[in-house]
Amino acid sequence: MTTESPRWFKSSYSSNGGQCVEIAANLAVSRGVVPVRDSKDLRGPVLEIPTHAFTSFVTGIKDAEFGAI
């Protein structure tokens, strides 16, 4: 088991509008998950998304599979 701590990252596309999430991609290889949290609540809950699911989600966004916003 690894004791590596999450290194949180917020997208450079974030405009600080208060609707952002942060991810800790550094844990994808060692733990097989991508932790995700609300950037406004740093002590709040963290979702641990399996790496394959997170990759599929990001690919879907890039391919506009979820429609226009």
Protein backbone atom coordinates (compact mmCIF):
# COMPACT_ATOMS: atom_id res chain seq x y z
CA MET A 1 0.00 0.00 0.00
CA THR A 2 1.24 3.44 -0.87
CA THR A 3 1.34 6.38 1.51
CA GLU A 4 1.58 8.92 -1.28
CA SER A 5 -0.53 12.02 -0.64
CA PRO A 6 -2.80 13.55 -3.27
CA ARG A 7 -1.34 16.49 -5.19
CA TRP A 8 -4.46 18.50 -6.00
CA PHE A 9 -4.77 20.23 -9.37
CA LYS A 10 -7.39 22.62 -10.70
CA SER A 11 -7.70 23.12 -14.45
CA SER A 12 -6.13 26.20 -15.99
CA TYR A 13 -9.50 26.63 -17.74
CA SER A 14 -11.07 27.40 -14.38
CA SER A 15 -12.21 31.00 -14.16
CA ASN A 16 -12.60 30.96 -10.35
CA GLY A 17 -16.35 31.15 -10.75
CA GLY A 18 -16.87 28.91 -7.75
CA GLN A 19 -17.97 25.84 -9.72
CA CYS A 20 -14.67 24.00 -9.94
CA VAL A 21 -13.37 20.60 -9.00
CA GLU A 22 -9.83 19.50 -8.31
CA ILE A 23 -8.26 16.17 -9.14
CA ALA A 24 -5.21 14.33 -7.85
CA ALA A 25 -3.96 12.54 -10.97
CA ASN A 26 -0.73 11.52 -9.23
CA LEU A 27 -2.58 8.61 -7.60
CA ALA A 28 -3.86 7.09 -10.86
CA VAL A 29 -0.97 4.65 -11.25
CA SER A 30 -0.21 3.83 -7.62
CA ARG A 31 -3.82 3.43 -6.41
CA GLY A 32 -5.81 2.99 -9.62
CA VAL A 33 -8.09 5.92 -8.78
CA VAL A 34 -8.39 9.62 -9.55
CA PRO A 35 -9.59 11.47 -6.44
CA VAL A 36 -11.96 14.37 -7.16
CA ARG A 37 -13.08 17.09 -4.73
CA ASP A 38 -14.96 20.39 -4.68
CA SER A 39 -12.45 23.24 -4.81
CA LYS A 40 -14.60 25.32 -2.43
CA ASP A 41 -14.66 22.64 0.30
CA LEU A 42 -11.11 21.38 0.71
CA ARG A 43 -12.00 19.37 3.83
CA GLY A 44 -15.16 17.95 2.28
CA PRO A 45 -15.76 14.56 0.75
CA VAL A 46 -13.49 13.11 -1.92
CA LEU A 47 -14.76 10.85 -4.70
CA GLU A 48 -12.29 8.18 -5.78
CA ILE A 49 -13.06 7.49 -9.44
CA PRO A 50 -11.48 4.35 -10.95
CA THR A 51 -8.82 5.37 -13.45
CA HIS A 52 -10.53 3.65 -16.41
CA ALA A 53 -13.83 5.42 -15.66
CA PHE A 54 -12.16 8.82 -15.32
CA THR A 55 -10.30 8.29 -18.62
CA SER A 56 -13.57 7.37 -20.36
CA PHE A 57 -15.26 10.46 -18.90
CA VAL A 58 -12.51 12.83 -20.09
CA THR A 59 -12.53 11.20 -23.54
CA GLY A 60 -16.30 11.67 -23.69
CA ILE A 61 -15.95 15.36 -22.86
CA LYS A 62 -13.29 15.84 -25.53
CA ASP A 63 -15.45 14.05 -28.09
CA ALA A 64 -18.54 16.16 -27.13
CA GLU A 65 -20.49 13.02 -26.22
CA PHE A 66 -22.42 14.86 -23.52
CA GLY A 67 -23.81 17.65 -25.72
CA ALA A 68 -23.18 21.36 -25.73
CA ILE A 69 -23.36 23.40 -22.57
